[in-house]
Amino acid sequence: MTPNEKTIAAFETRIRQMILRFQELKKENKDLYAMIEKNEQDIKQLQAKLDQGQNDYNSLKMAKMIEITDGDLDGAKERLSKLIRDVNKCIAILSDEEQ
């Protein structure tokens, strides 16, 4: 084998190695893009769950505020009823004194 033939054979070998490496990198690139796509879908799903959780939290917070308001309203009604009874008793006492 002449030196030129050896050089050409070595060159062909290097070209084949480069082609194989290119194919490996191409497959790896494809796999990485698939992984990125899957991760983006996972992120969208997790974001949707987070948004739903925040909406649920806000709804519960609002319900708790309404519950507290209703409790305050019931307490206020009871205090007002007691005041009305006390006023009625005072009126009755004053009416008895006038007679």
PDB file of N, CA and C in Angstrom:
ATOM      1  N   MET A   1       0.847  -1.170   0.000  1.00  0.00           N
ATOM      2  CA  MET A   1       0.000   0.000   0.000  1.00  0.00           C
ATOM      3  C   MET A   1       0.900   1.244   0.000  1.00  0.00           C
ATOM      4  N   THR A   2       0.587   2.124  -0.899  1.00  0.00           N
ATOM      5  CA  THR A   2       1.393   3.333  -1.031  1.00  0.00           C
ATOM      6  C   THR A   2       0.994   4.336   0.039  1.00  0.00           C
ATOM      7  N   PRO A   3       1.846   5.315   0.304  1.00  0.00           N
ATOM      8  CA  PRO A   3       1.509   6.313   1.320  1.00  0.00           C
ATOM      9  C   PRO A   3       0.216   7.058   0.993  1.00  0.00           C
ATOM     10  N   ASN A   4      -0.040   7.319  -0.271  1.00  0.00           N
ATOM     11  CA  ASN A   4      -1.293   7.992  -0.651  1.00  0.00           C
ATOM     12  C   ASN A   4      -2.502   7.116  -0.348  1.00  0.00           C
ATOM     13  N   GLU A   5      -2.386   5.826  -0.621  1.00  0.00           N
ATOM     14  CA  GLU A   5      -3.493   4.899  -0.346  1.00  0.00           C
ATOM     15  C   GLU A   5      -3.748   4.811   1.156  1.00  0.00           C
ATOM     16  N   LYS A   6      -2.646   4.801   1.944  1.00  0.00           N
ATOM     17  CA  LYS A   6      -2.787   4.765   3.402  1.00  0.00           C
ATOM     18  C   LYS A   6      -3.486   6.039   3.893  1.00  0.00           C
ATOM     19  N   THR A   7      -3.108   7.159   3.318  1.00  0.00           N
ATOM     20  CA  THR A   7      -3.718   8.428   3.698  1.00  0.00           C
ATOM     21  C   THR A   7      -5.199   8.436   3.344  1.00  0.00           C
ATOM     22  N   ILE A   8      -5.515   7.944   2.145  1.00  0.00           N
ATOM     23  CA  ILE A   8      -6.919   7.878   1.714  1.00  0.00           C
ATOM     24  C   ILE A   8      -7.705   6.926   2.608  1.00  0.00           C
ATOM     25  N   ALA A   9      -7.131   5.769   2.955  1.00  0.00           N
ATOM     26  CA  ALA A   9      -7.809   4.801   3.824  1.00  0.00           C
ATOM     27  C   ALA A   9      -8.052   5.418   5.204  1.00  0.00           C
ATOM     28  N   ALA A  10      -7.051   6.107   5.733  1.00  0.00           N
ATOM     29  CA  ALA A  10      -7.206   6.764   7.036  1.00  0.00           C
ATOM     30  C   ALA A  10      -8.279   7.848   6.951  1.00  0.00           C
ATOM     31  N   PHE A  11      -8.275   8.569   5.849  1.00  0.00           N
ATOM     32  CA  PHE A  11      -9.268   9.618   5.637  1.00  0.00           C
ATOM     33  C   PHE A  11     -10.673   9.027   5.572  1.00  0.00           C
ATOM     34  N   GLU A  12     -10.809   7.904   4.826  1.00  0.00           N
ATOM     35  CA  GLU A  12     -12.116   7.230   4.730  1.00  0.00           C
ATOM     36  C   GLU A  12     -12.579   6.759   6.108  1.00  0.00           C
ATOM     37  N   THR A  13     -11.635   6.222   6.883  1.00  0.00           N
ATOM     38  CA  THR A  13     -11.973   5.751   8.229  1.00  0.00           C
ATOM     39  C   THR A  13     -12.459   6.912   9.096  1.00  0.00           C
ATOM     40  N   ARG A  14     -11.762   8.026   9.034  1.00  0.00           N
ATOM     41  CA  ARG A  14     -12.158   9.201   9.806  1.00  0.00           C
ATOM     42  C   ARG A  14     -13.524   9.733   9.363  1.00  0.00           C
ATOM     43  N   ILE A  15     -13.763   9.698   8.046  1.00  0.00           N
ATOM     44  CA  ILE A  15     -15.063  10.144   7.522  1.00  0.00           C
ATOM     45  C   ILE A  15     -16.166   9.243   8.060  1.00  0.00           C
ATOM     46  N   ARG A  16     -15.953   7.919   8.034  1.00  0.00           N
ATOM     47  CA  ARG A  16     -16.957   6.977   8.563  1.00  0.00           C
ATOM     48  C   ARG A  16     -17.204   7.245  10.049  1.00  0.00           C
ATOM     49  N   GLN A  17     -16.121   7.467  10.799  1.00  0.00           N
ATOM     50  CA  GLN A  17     -16.261   7.760  12.231  1.00  0.00           C
ATOM     51  C   GLN A  17     -17.059   9.049  12.450  1.00  0.00           C
ATOM     52  N   MET A  18     -16.768  10.035  11.627  1.00  0.00           N
ATOM     53  CA  MET A  18     -17.493  11.305  11.745  1.00  0.00           C
ATOM     54  C   MET A  18     -18.967  11.129  11.400  1.00  0.00           C
ATOM     55  N   ILE A  19     -19.257  10.319  10.377  1.00  0.00           N
ATOM     56  CA  ILE A  19     -20.655  10.056  10.000  1.00  0.00           C
ATOM     57  C   ILE A  19     -21.373   9.347  11.144  1.00  0.00           C
ATOM     58  N   LEU A  20     -20.726   8.332  11.741  1.00  0.00           N
ATOM     59  CA  LEU A  20     -21.332   7.619  12.869  1.00  0.00           C
ATOM     60  C   LEU A  20     -21.563   8.565  14.054  1.00  0.00           C
ATOM     61  N   ARG A  21     -20.559   9.392  14.331  1.00  0.00           N
ATOM     62  CA  ARG A  21     -20.701  10.355  15.429  1.00  0.00           C
ATOM     63  C   ARG A  21     -21.827  11.344  15.143  1.00  0.00           C
ATOM     64  N   PHE A  22     -21.931  11.786  13.894  1.00  0.00           N
ATOM     65  CA  PHE A  22     -23.012  12.690  13.498  1.00  0.00           C
ATOM     66  C   PHE A  22     -24.369  12.036  13.730  1.00  0.00           C
ATOM     67  N   GLN A  23     -24.496  10.760  13.351  1.00  0.00           N
ATOM     68  CA  GLN A  23     -25.766  10.051  13.541  1.00  0.00           C
ATOM     69  C   GLN A  23     -26.092   9.908  15.029  1.00  0.00           C
ATOM     70  N   GLU A  24     -25.065   9.630  15.852  1.00  0.00           N
ATOM     71  CA  GLU A  24     -25.283   9.540  17.298  1.00  0.00           C
ATOM     72  C   GLU A  24     -25.759  10.885  17.860  1.00  0.00           C
ATOM     73  N   LEU A  25     -25.091  11.944  17.439  1.00  0.00           N
ATOM     74  CA  LEU A  25     -25.468  13.276  17.919  1.00  0.00           C
ATOM     75  C   LEU A  25     -26.862  13.674  17.437  1.00  0.00           C
ATOM     76  N   LYS A  26     -27.186  13.280  16.215  1.00  0.00           N
ATOM     77  CA  LYS A  26     -28.508  13.577  15.667  1.00  0.00           C
ATOM     78  C   LYS A  26     -29.590  12.873  16.492  1.00  0.00           C
ATOM     79  N   LYS A  27     -29.343  11.601  16.852  1.00  0.00           N
ATOM     80  CA  LYS A  27     -30.298  10.852  17.673  1.00  0.00           C
ATOM     81  C   LYS A  27     -30.395  11.476  19.071  1.00  0.00           C
ATOM     82  N   GLU A  28     -29.260  11.830  19.644  1.00  0.00           N
ATOM     83  CA  GLU A  28     -29.258  12.460  20.962  1.00  0.00           C
ATOM     84  C   GLU A  28     -30.026  13.783  20.927  1.00  0.00           C
ATOM     85  N   ASN A  29     -29.829  14.553  19.882  1.00  0.00           N
ATOM     86  CA  ASN A  29     -30.535  15.824  19.717  1.00  0.00           C
ATOM     87  C   ASN A  29     -32.041  15.595  19.636  1.00  0.00           C
ATOM     88  N   LYS A  30     -32.446  14.579  18.879  1.00  0.00           N
ATOM     89  CA  LYS A  30     -33.868  14.245  18.756  1.00  0.00           C
ATOM     90  C   LYS A  30     -34.437  13.856  20.119  1.00  0.00           C
ATOM     91  N   ASP A  31     -33.687  13.029  20.867  1.00  0.00           N
ATOM     92  CA  ASP A  31     -34.137  12.612  22.198  1.00  0.00           C
ATOM     93  C   ASP A  31     -34.261  13.813  23.142  1.00  0.00           C
ATOM     94  N   LEU A  32     -33.297  14.717  23.057  1.00  0.00           N
ATOM     95  CA  LEU A  32     -33.344  15.903  23.915  1.00  0.00           C
ATOM     96  C   LEU A  32     -34.532  16.798  23.579  1.00  0.00           C
ATOM     97  N   TYR A  33     -34.827  16.941  22.291  1.00  0.00           N
ATOM     98  CA  TYR A  33     -36.004  17.733  21.909  1.00  0.00           C
ATOM     99  C   TYR A  33     -37.289  17.080  22.415  1.00  0.00           C
ATOM    100  N   ALA A  34     -37.345  15.740  22.353  1.00  0.00           N
ATOM    101  CA  ALA A  34     -38.520  15.031  22.873  1.00  0.00           C
ATOM    102  C   ALA A  34     -38.642  15.256  24.382  1.00  0.00           C
ATOM    103  N   MET A  35     -37.507  15.237  25.079  1.00  0.00           N
ATOM    104  CA  MET A  35     -37.510  15.462  26.521  1.00  0.00           C
ATOM    105  C   MET A  35     -37.967  16.885  26.842  1.00  0.00           C
ATOM    106  N   ILE A  36     -37.510  17.837  26.061  1.00  0.00           N
ATOM    107  CA  ILE A  36     -37.932  19.229  26.263  1.00  0.00           C
ATOM    108  C   ILE A  36     -39.434  19.356  26.057  1.00  0.00           C
ATOM    109  N   GLU A  37     -39.953  18.730  25.020  1.00  0.00           N
ATOM    110  CA  GLU A  37     -41.397  18.775  24.738  1.00  0.00           C
ATOM    111  C   GLU A  37     -42.190  18.195  25.904  1.00  0.00           C
ATOM    112  N   LYS A  38     -41.724  17.047  26.423  1.00  0.00           N
ATOM    113  CA  LYS A  38     -42.408  16.415  27.556  1.00  0.00           C
ATOM    114  C   LYS A  38     -42.353  17.319  28.787  1.00  0.00           C
ATOM    115  N   ASN A  39     -41.196  17.902  29.035  1.00  0.00           N
ATOM    116  CA  ASN A  39     -41.063  18.798  30.192  1.00  0.00           C
ATOM    117  C   ASN A  39     -41.964  20.021  30.062  1.00  0.00           C
ATOM    118  N   GLU A  40     -42.094  20.546  28.862  1.00  0.00           N
ATOM    119  CA  GLU A  40     -42.989  21.691  28.653  1.00  0.00           C
ATOM    120  C   GLU A  40     -44.438  21.300  28.922  1.00  0.00           C
ATOM    121  N   GLN A  41     -44.822  20.085  28.504  1.00  0.00           N
ATOM    122  CA  GLN A  41     -46.184  19.617  28.783  1.00  0.00           C
ATOM    123  C   GLN A  41     -46.391  19.449  30.288  1.00  0.00           C
ATOM    124  N   ASP A  42     -45.372  18.879  30.964  1.00  0.00           N
ATOM    125  CA  ASP A  42     -45.465  18.718  32.418  1.00  0.00           C
ATOM    126  C   ASP A  42     -45.599  20.074  33.107  1.00  0.00           C
ATOM    127  N   ILE A  43     -44.841  21.041  32.632  1.00  0.00           N
ATOM    128  CA  ILE A  43     -44.911  22.388  33.214  1.00  0.00           C
ATOM    129  C   ILE A  43     -46.309  22.969  33.028  1.00  0.00           C
ATOM    130  N   LYS A  44     -46.893  22.786  31.841  1.00  0.00           N
ATOM    131  CA  LYS A  44     -48.248  23.298  31.596  1.00  0.00           C
ATOM    132  C   LYS A  44     -49.251  22.640  32.535  1.00  0.00           C
ATOM    133  N   GLN A  45     -49.120  21.311  32.718  1.00  0.00           N
ATOM    134  CA  GLN A  45     -50.039  20.608  33.612  1.00  0.00           C
ATOM    135  C   GLN A  45     -49.869  21.092  35.052  1.00  0.00           C
ATOM    136  N   LEU A  46     -48.623  21.234  35.481  1.00  0.00           N
ATOM    137  CA  LEU A  46     -48.376  21.697  36.845  1.00  0.00           C
ATOM    138  C   LEU A  46     -48.854  23.131  37.037  1.00  0.00           C
ATOM    139  N   GLN A  47     -48.698  23.951  36.020  1.00  0.00           N
ATOM    140  CA  GLN A  47     -49.184  25.334  36.100  1.00  0.00           C
ATOM    141  C   GLN A  47     -50.703  25.350  36.221  1.00  0.00           C
ATOM    142  N   ALA A  48     -51.363  24.457  35.460  1.00  0.00           N
ATOM    143  CA  ALA A  48     -52.827  24.373  35.545  1.00  0.00           C
ATOM    144  C   ALA A  48     -53.250  23.933  36.946  1.00  0.00           C
ATOM    145  N   LYS A  49     -52.528  22.956  37.520  1.00  0.00           N
ATOM    146  CA  LYS A  49     -52.841  22.510  38.879  1.00  0.00           C
ATOM    147  C   LYS A  49     -52.608  23.637  39.883  1.00  0.00           C
ATOM    148  N   LEU A  50     -51.534  24.366  39.699  1.00  0.00           N
ATOM    149  CA  LEU A  50     -51.246  25.488  40.590  1.00  0.00           C
ATOM    150  C   LEU A  50     -52.341  26.542  40.497  1.00  0.00           C
ATOM    151  N   ASP A  51     -52.748  26.870  39.278  1.00  0.00           N
ATOM    152  CA  ASP A  51     -53.820  27.853  39.095  1.00  0.00           C
ATOM    153  C   ASP A  51     -55.107  27.377  39.758  1.00  0.00           C
ATOM    154  N   GLN A  52     -55.423  26.080  39.592  1.00  0.00           N
ATOM    155  CA  GLN A  52     -56.629  25.527  40.207  1.00  0.00           C
ATOM    156  C   GLN A  52     -56.528  25.597  41.725  1.00  0.00           C
ATOM    157  N   GLY A  53     -55.344  25.267  42.251  1.00  0.00           N
ATOM    158  CA  GLY A  53     -55.133  25.341  43.698  1.00  0.00           C
ATOM    159  C   GLY A  53     -55.298  26.757  44.221  1.00  0.00           C
ATOM    160  N   GLN A  54     -54.777  27.719  43.489  1.00  0.00           N
ATOM    161  CA  GLN A  54     -54.925  29.115  43.903  1.00  0.00           C
ATOM    162  C   GLN A  54     -56.387  29.546  43.851  1.00  0.00           C
ATOM    163  N   ASN A  55     -57.113  29.110  42.826  1.00  0.00           N
ATOM    164  CA  ASN A  55     -58.542  29.435  42.741  1.00  0.00           C
ATOM    165  C   ASN A  55     -59.304  28.808  43.899  1.00  0.00           C
ATOM    166  N   ASP A  56     -58.975  27.539  44.205  1.00  0.00           N
ATOM    167  CA  ASP A  56     -59.631  26.866  45.326  1.00  0.00           C
ATOM    168  C   ASP A  56     -59.338  27.595  46.637  1.00  0.00           C
ATOM    169  N   TYR A  57     -58.085  27.987  46.807  1.00  0.00           N
ATOM    170  CA  TYR A  57     -57.701  28.704  48.027  1.00  0.00           C
ATOM    171  C   TYR A  57     -58.473  30.016  48.147  1.00  0.00           C
ATOM    172  N   ASN A  58     -58.545  30.750  47.049  1.00  0.00           N
ATOM    173  CA  ASN A  58     -59.280  32.021  47.076  1.00  0.00           C
ATOM    174  C   ASN A  58     -60.754  31.800  47.373  1.00  0.00           C
ATOM    175  N   SER A  59     -61.329  30.723  46.810  1.00  0.00           N
ATOM    176  CA  SER A  59     -62.736  30.413  47.086  1.00  0.00           C
ATOM    177  C   SER A  59     -62.938  30.079  48.558  1.00  0.00           C
ATOM    178  N   LEU A  60     -62.031  29.273  49.109  1.00  0.00           N
ATOM    179  CA  LEU A  60     -62.142  28.923  50.525  1.00  0.00           C
ATOM    180  C   LEU A  60     -61.965  30.149  51.413  1.00  0.00           C
ATOM    181  N   LYS A  61     -61.044  31.011  51.024  1.00  0.00           N
ATOM    182  CA  LYS A  61     -60.824  32.234  51.796  1.00  0.00           C
ATOM    183  C   LYS A  61     -62.079  33.098  51.774  1.00  0.00           C
ATOM    184  N   MET A  62     -62.700  33.210  50.608  1.00  0.00           N
ATOM    185  CA  MET A  62     -63.930  33.995  50.484  1.00  0.00           C
ATOM    186  C   MET A  62     -65.045  33.356  51.309  1.00  0.00           C
ATOM    187  N   ALA A  63     -65.158  32.030  51.254  1.00  0.00           N
ATOM    188  CA  ALA A  63     -66.193  31.337  52.029  1.00  0.00           C
ATOM    189  C   ALA A  63     -65.979  31.568  53.523  1.00  0.00           C
ATOM    190  N   LYS A  64     -64.734  31.543  53.954  1.00  0.00           N
ATOM    191  CA  LYS A  64     -64.441  31.772  55.370  1.00  0.00           C
ATOM    192  C   LYS A  64     -64.813  33.196  55.765  1.00  0.00           C
ATOM    193  N   MET A  65     -64.526  34.153  54.888  1.00  0.00           N
ATOM    194  CA  MET A  65     -64.897  35.542  55.177  1.00  0.00           C
ATOM    195  C   MET A  65     -66.407  35.678  55.280  1.00  0.00           C
ATOM    196  N   ILE A  66     -67.135  35.019  54.387  1.00  0.00           N
ATOM    197  CA  ILE A  66     -68.603  35.070  54.424  1.00  0.00           C
ATOM    198  C   ILE A  66     -69.111  34.406  55.693  1.00  0.00           C
ATOM    199  N   GLU A  67     -68.486  33.292  56.073  1.00  0.00           N
ATOM    200  CA  GLU A  67     -68.889  32.584  57.286  1.00  0.00           C
ATOM    201  C   GLU A  67     -68.698  33.480  58.508  1.00  0.00           C
ATOM    202  N   ILE A  68     -67.572  34.153  58.555  1.00  0.00           N
ATOM    203  CA  ILE A  68     -67.318  35.065  59.674  1.00  0.00           C
ATOM    204  C   ILE A  68     -68.345  36.192  59.673  1.00  0.00           C
ATOM    205  N   THR A  69     -68.646  36.720  58.498  1.00  0.00           N
ATOM    206  CA  THR A  69     -69.635  37.790  58.387  1.00  0.00           C
ATOM    207  C   THR A  69     -70.998  37.304  58.865  1.00  0.00           C
ATOM    208  N   ASP A  70     -71.387  36.075  58.466  1.00  0.00           N
ATOM    209  CA  ASP A  70     -72.659  35.518  58.922  1.00  0.00           C
ATOM    210  C   ASP A  70     -72.658  35.358  60.436  1.00  0.00           C
ATOM    211  N   GLY A  71     -71.564  34.908  61.001  1.00  0.00           N
ATOM    212  CA  GLY A  71     -71.463  34.763  62.449  1.00  0.00           C
ATOM    213  C   GLY A  71     -71.602  36.105  63.134  1.00  0.00           C
ATOM    214  N   ASP A  72     -70.976  37.114  62.588  1.00  0.00           N
ATOM    215  CA  ASP A  72     -71.096  38.459  63.144  1.00  0.00           C
ATOM    216  C   ASP A  72     -72.533  38.950  63.039  1.00  0.00           C
ATOM    217  N   LEU A  73     -73.177  38.623  61.931  1.00  0.00           N
ATOM    218  CA  LEU A  73     -74.556  39.042  61.723  1.00  0.00           C
ATOM    219  C   LEU A  73     -75.467  38.383  62.752  1.00  0.00           C
ATOM    220  N   ASP A  74     -75.267  37.095  62.994  1.00  0.00           N
ATOM    221  CA  ASP A  74     -76.080  36.400  63.995  1.00  0.00           C
ATOM    222  C   ASP A  74     -75.845  36.991  65.385  1.00  0.00           C
ATOM    223  N   GLY A  75     -74.604  37.265  65.705  1.00  0.00           N
ATOM    224  CA  GLY A  75     -74.293  37.872  67.005  1.00  0.00           C
ATOM    225  C   GLY A  75     -74.929  39.241  67.141  1.00  0.00           C
ATOM    226  N   ALA A  76     -74.871  40.012  66.069  1.00  0.00           N
ATOM    227  CA  ALA A  76     -75.475  41.352  66.089  1.00  0.00           C
ATOM    228  C   ALA A  76     -76.983  41.251  66.262  1.00  0.00           C
ATOM    229  N   LYS A  77     -77.614  40.285  65.590  1.00  0.00           N
ATOM    230  CA  LYS A  77     -79.064  40.098  65.735  1.00  0.00           C
ATOM    231  C   LYS A  77     -79.418  39.753  67.177  1.00  0.00           C
ATOM    232  N   GLU A  78     -78.621  38.879  67.792  1.00  0.00           N
ATOM    233  CA  GLU A  78     -78.887  38.493  69.180  1.00  0.00           C
ATOM    234  C   GLU A  78     -78.748  39.692  70.114  1.00  0.00           C
ATOM    235  N   ARG A  79     -77.698  40.490  69.920  1.00  0.00           N
ATOM    236  CA  ARG A  79     -77.509  41.675  70.770  1.00  0.00           C
ATOM    237  C   ARG A  79     -78.650  42.673  70.576  1.00  0.00           C
ATOM    238  N   LEU A  80     -79.066  42.848  69.322  1.00  0.00           N
ATOM    239  CA  LEU A  80     -80.165  43.769  69.034  1.00  0.00           C
ATOM    240  C   LEU A  80     -81.467  43.271  69.666  1.00  0.00           C
ATOM    241  N   SER A  81     -81.724  41.974  69.582  1.00  0.00           N
ATOM    242  CA  SER A  81     -82.931  41.407  70.204  1.00  0.00           C
ATOM    243  C   SER A  81     -82.910  41.620  71.710  1.00  0.00           C
ATOM    244  N   LYS A  82     -81.751  41.425  72.333  1.00  0.00           N
ATOM    245  CA  LYS A  82     -81.639  41.640  73.777  1.00  0.00           C
ATOM    246  C   LYS A  82     -81.896  43.105  74.120  1.00  0.00           C
ATOM    247  N   LEU A  83     -81.331  44.013  73.326  1.00  0.00           N
ATOM    248  CA  LEU A  83     -81.572  45.440  73.570  1.00  0.00           C
ATOM    249  C   LEU A  83     -83.051  45.778  73.431  1.00  0.00           C
ATOM    250  N   ILE A  84     -83.716  45.222  72.439  1.00  0.00           N
ATOM    251  CA  ILE A  84     -85.153  45.474  72.247  1.00  0.00           C
ATOM    252  C   ILE A  84     -85.942  44.954  73.442  1.00  0.00           C
ATOM    253  N   ARG A  85     -85.594  43.758  73.936  1.00  0.00           N
ATOM    254  CA  ARG A  85     -86.281  43.214  75.113  1.00  0.00           C
ATOM    255  C   ARG A  85     -86.075  44.122  76.330  1.00  0.00           C
ATOM    256  N   ASP A  86     -84.820  44.592  76.481  1.00  0.00           N
ATOM    257  CA  ASP A  86     -84.540  45.499  77.613  1.00  0.00           C
ATOM    258  C   ASP A  86     -85.348  46.792  77.503  1.00  0.00           C
ATOM    259  N   VAL A  87     -85.437  47.353  76.300  1.00  0.00           N
ATOM    260  CA  VAL A  87     -86.222  48.574  76.095  1.00  0.00           C
ATOM    261  C   VAL A  87     -87.696  48.299  76.391  1.00  0.00           C
ATOM    262  N   ASN A  88     -88.205  47.164  75.927  1.00  0.00           N
ATOM    263  CA  ASN A  88     -89.610  46.812  76.196  1.00  0.00           C
ATOM    264  C   ASN A  88     -89.865  46.672  77.695  1.00  0.00           C
ATOM    265  N   LYS A  89     -88.904  46.087  78.426  1.00  0.00           N
ATOM    266  CA  LYS A  89     -89.058  45.965  79.878  1.00  0.00           C
ATOM    267  C   LYS A  89     -89.106  47.349  80.528  1.00  0.00           C
ATOM    268  N   CYS A  90     -88.218  48.227  80.059  1.00  0.00           N
ATOM    269  CA  CYS A  90     -88.199  49.594  80.605  1.00  0.00           C
ATOM    270  C   CYS A  90     -89.518  50.308  80.327  1.00  0.00           C
ATOM    271  N   ILE A  91     -90.033  50.143  79.123  1.00  0.00           N
ATOM    272  CA  ILE A  91     -91.317  50.764  78.771  1.00  0.00           C
ATOM    273  C   ILE A  91     -92.424  50.205  79.656  1.00  0.00           C
ATOM    274  N   ALA A  92     -92.400  48.898  79.877  1.00  0.00           N
ATOM    275  CA  ALA A  92     -93.421  48.274  80.729  1.00  0.00           C
ATOM    276  C   ALA A  92     -93.327  48.792  82.154  1.00  0.00           C
ATOM    277  N   ILE A  93     -92.120  48.929  82.664  1.00  0.00           N
ATOM    278  CA  ILE A  93     -91.938  49.438  84.030  1.00  0.00           C
ATOM    279  C   ILE A  93     -92.437  50.875  84.128  1.00  0.00           C
ATOM    280  N   LEU A  94     -92.071  51.698  83.134  1.00  0.00           N
ATOM    281  CA  LEU A  94     -92.527  53.091  83.137  1.00  0.00           C
ATOM    282  C   LEU A  94     -94.050  53.172  83.017  1.00  0.00           C
ATOM    283  N   SER A  95     -94.634  52.303  82.233  1.00  0.00           N
ATOM    284  CA  SER A  95     -96.095  52.298  82.084  1.00  0.00           C
ATOM    285  C   SER A  95     -96.764  51.923  83.396  1.00  0.00           C
ATOM    286  N   ASP A  96     -96.191  50.972  84.117  1.00  0.00           N
ATOM    287  CA  ASP A  96     -96.753  50.566  85.407  1.00  0.00           C
ATOM    288  C   ASP A  96     -96.643  51.687  86.428  1.00  0.00           C
ATOM    289  N   GLU A  97     -95.571  52.444  86.382  1.00  0.00           N
ATOM    290  CA  GLU A  97     -95.374  53.532  87.339  1.00  0.00           C
ATOM    291  C   GLU A  97     -96.368  54.660  87.106  1.00  0.00           C
ATOM    292  N   GLU A  98     -96.746  54.905  85.865  1.00  0.00           N
ATOM    293  CA  GLU A  98     -97.674  55.984  85.548  1.00  0.00           C
ATOM    294  C   GLU A  98     -99.081  55.638  86.011  1.00  0.00           C
ATOM    295  N   GLN A  99     -99.416  54.436  86.117  1.00  0.00           N
ATOM    296  CA  GLN A  99    -100.788  54.059  86.473  1.00  0.00           C
ATOM    297  C   GLN A  99    -101.008  54.009  87.923  1.00  0.00           C
TER     298      GLN A  99
END
